[in-house]
Amino acid sequence: MASAYLVMFAIPLVARGEKPSLNVRLAAASGFTMTLLYVVLSAIPIIKVQTPWEFTAKVIGFVIALQSAGTAIYWTATRRSRSAAV
């Protein structure tokens, strides 16, 4: 999903350590802004729907559910790999 791109574009802007050049930071800020705009606009219906807030809530709920499932899969795989390494 787009949240991975938000994180990717945020890294040069907020990460500690070596500071990237101004060009890289400007490109990262532009990419972050455009991706955030995409995320916001993808939750707003562009066609006529009965209840726009219900549509938006369903889209946001679906995205949160997918992100939660991905996090659970990652944590499970990480625990299994740690226990297999021991």
C-alpha atoms as a PDB file:
ATOM      1  CA  MET A   1       0.000   0.000   0.000  1.00  0.00           C
ATOM      2  CA  ALA A   2       0.939   3.641  -0.127  1.00  0.00           C
ATOM      3  CA  SER A   3       1.903   3.694   3.554  1.00  0.00           C
ATOM      4  CA  ALA A   4       5.178   1.975   2.668  1.00  0.00           C
ATOM      5  CA  TYR A   5       5.948   4.803   0.264  1.00  0.00           C
ATOM      6  CA  LEU A   6       5.091   7.371   2.931  1.00  0.00           C
ATOM      7  CA  VAL A   7       7.683   5.794   5.203  1.00  0.00           C
ATOM      8  CA  MET A   8      10.217   5.549   2.366  1.00  0.00           C
ATOM      9  CA  PHE A   9       9.839   9.242   1.510  1.00  0.00           C
ATOM     10  CA  ALA A  10       9.911  10.263   5.191  1.00  0.00           C
ATOM     11  CA  ILE A  11      13.255   8.599   5.915  1.00  0.00           C
ATOM     12  CA  PRO A  12      15.453  11.317   4.329  1.00  0.00           C
ATOM     13  CA  LEU A  13      13.388  13.957   6.105  1.00  0.00           C
ATOM     14  CA  VAL A  14      13.407  12.660   9.684  1.00  0.00           C
ATOM     15  CA  ALA A  15      16.115  10.003  10.008  1.00  0.00           C
ATOM     16  CA  ARG A  16      19.043  10.594  12.329  1.00  0.00           C
ATOM     17  CA  GLY A  17      22.615  10.473  11.159  1.00  0.00           C
ATOM     18  CA  GLU A  18      24.004  11.738   7.905  1.00  0.00           C
ATOM     19  CA  LYS A  19      21.848  14.457   6.338  1.00  0.00           C
ATOM     20  CA  PRO A  20      21.042  13.988   2.655  1.00  0.00           C
ATOM     21  CA  SER A  21      21.558  16.805   0.190  1.00  0.00           C
ATOM     22  CA  LEU A  22      18.941  19.504  -0.286  1.00  0.00           C
ATOM     23  CA  ASN A  23      17.918  17.994  -3.647  1.00  0.00           C
ATOM     24  CA  VAL A  24      17.219  14.622  -2.031  1.00  0.00           C
ATOM     25  CA  ARG A  25      15.239  16.218   0.800  1.00  0.00           C
ATOM     26  CA  LEU A  26      13.172  18.276  -1.657  1.00  0.00           C
ATOM     27  CA  ALA A  27      12.458  15.198  -3.767  1.00  0.00           C
ATOM     28  CA  ALA A  28      11.516  13.231  -0.632  1.00  0.00           C
ATOM     29  CA  ALA A  29       9.215  16.026   0.545  1.00  0.00           C
ATOM     30  CA  SER A  30       7.567  16.151  -2.873  1.00  0.00           C
ATOM     31  CA  GLY A  31       7.122  12.381  -2.974  1.00  0.00           C
ATOM     32  CA  PHE A  32       5.739  12.331   0.571  1.00  0.00           C
ATOM     33  CA  THR A  33       3.281  15.126  -0.206  1.00  0.00           C
ATOM     34  CA  MET A  34       2.033  13.509  -3.409  1.00  0.00           C
ATOM     35  CA  THR A  35       1.691  10.089  -1.769  1.00  0.00           C
ATOM     36  CA  LEU A  36      -0.159  11.591   1.196  1.00  0.00           C
ATOM     37  CA  LEU A  37      -2.463  13.379  -1.236  1.00  0.00           C
ATOM     38  CA  TYR A  38      -3.074  10.060  -3.009  1.00  0.00           C
ATOM     39  CA  VAL A  39      -3.921   8.357   0.303  1.00  0.00           C
ATOM     40  CA  VAL A  40      -6.358  11.086   1.304  1.00  0.00           C
ATOM     41  CA  LEU A  41      -8.023  11.333  -2.096  1.00  0.00           C
ATOM     42  CA  SER A  42      -8.328   7.566  -2.496  1.00  0.00           C
ATOM     43  CA  ALA A  43     -10.526   7.468   0.624  1.00  0.00           C
ATOM     44  CA  ILE A  44     -12.917  10.092  -0.750  1.00  0.00           C
ATOM     45  CA  PRO A  45     -15.453   8.799  -3.269  1.00  0.00           C
ATOM     46  CA  ILE A  46     -15.259  10.338  -6.738  1.00  0.00           C
ATOM     47  CA  ILE A  47     -18.611   8.912  -7.799  1.00  0.00           C
ATOM     48  CA  LYS A  48     -22.054   9.504  -6.356  1.00  0.00           C
ATOM     49  CA  VAL A  49     -22.607   7.255  -3.318  1.00  0.00           C
ATOM     50  CA  GLN A  50     -25.486   7.093  -0.846  1.00  0.00           C
ATOM     51  CA  THR A  51     -23.396   7.960   2.215  1.00  0.00           C
ATOM     52  CA  PRO A  52     -19.914   9.324   1.508  1.00  0.00           C
ATOM     53  CA  TRP A  53     -18.832   9.041   5.171  1.00  0.00           C
ATOM     54  CA  GLU A  54     -19.780   5.357   5.253  1.00  0.00           C
ATOM     55  CA  PHE A  55     -17.780   4.750   2.068  1.00  0.00           C
ATOM     56  CA  THR A  56     -14.783   6.575   3.515  1.00  0.00           C
ATOM     57  CA  ALA A  57     -15.045   4.643   6.783  1.00  0.00           C
ATOM     58  CA  LYS A  58     -15.123   1.338   4.881  1.00  0.00           C
ATOM     59  CA  VAL A  59     -12.052   2.236   2.826  1.00  0.00           C
ATOM     60  CA  ILE A  60     -10.113   3.395   5.874  1.00  0.00           C
ATOM     61  CA  GLY A  61     -11.213   0.336   7.858  1.00  0.00           C
ATOM     62  CA  PHE A  62     -10.100  -1.958   5.054  1.00  0.00           C
ATOM     63  CA  VAL A  63      -6.693  -0.287   4.870  1.00  0.00           C
ATOM     64  CA  ILE A  64      -6.248  -0.531   8.646  1.00  0.00           C
ATOM     65  CA  ALA A  65      -7.266  -4.200   8.564  1.00  0.00           C
ATOM     66  CA  LEU A  66      -4.743  -4.961   5.816  1.00  0.00           C
ATOM     67  CA  GLN A  67      -1.968  -3.104   7.621  1.00  0.00           C
ATOM     68  CA  SER A  68      -2.795  -4.955  10.852  1.00  0.00           C
ATOM     69  CA  ALA A  69      -2.757  -8.297   9.053  1.00  0.00           C
ATOM     70  CA  GLY A  70       0.607  -7.474   7.494  1.00  0.00           C
ATOM     71  CA  THR A  71       2.019  -6.495  10.882  1.00  0.00           C
ATOM     72  CA  ALA A  72       0.733  -9.719  12.450  1.00  0.00           C
ATOM     73  CA  ILE A  73       2.284 -11.809   9.660  1.00  0.00           C
ATOM     74  CA  TYR A  74       5.602  -9.989  10.072  1.00  0.00           C
ATOM     75  CA  TRP A  75       5.657 -10.468  13.855  1.00  0.00           C
ATOM     76  CA  THR A  76       4.763 -14.147  13.515  1.00  0.00           C
ATOM     77  CA  ALA A  77       7.504 -14.733  10.950  1.00  0.00           C
ATOM     78  CA  THR A  78      10.027 -12.849  13.090  1.00  0.00           C
ATOM     79  CA  ARG A  79       9.206 -14.932  16.166  1.00  0.00           C
ATOM     80  CA  ARG A  80       9.441 -18.164  14.179  1.00  0.00           C
ATOM     81  CA  SER A  81      12.805 -17.243  12.689  1.00  0.00           C
ATOM     82  CA  ARG A  82      14.182 -16.340  16.143  1.00  0.00           C
ATOM     83  CA  SER A  83      12.994 -19.615  17.647  1.00  0.00           C
ATOM     84  CA  ALA A  84      14.370 -21.590  14.682  1.00  0.00           C
ATOM     85  CA  ALA A  85      17.763 -19.892  15.047  1.00  0.00           C
ATOM     86  CA  VAL A  86      18.016 -20.935  18.696  1.00  0.00           C
END
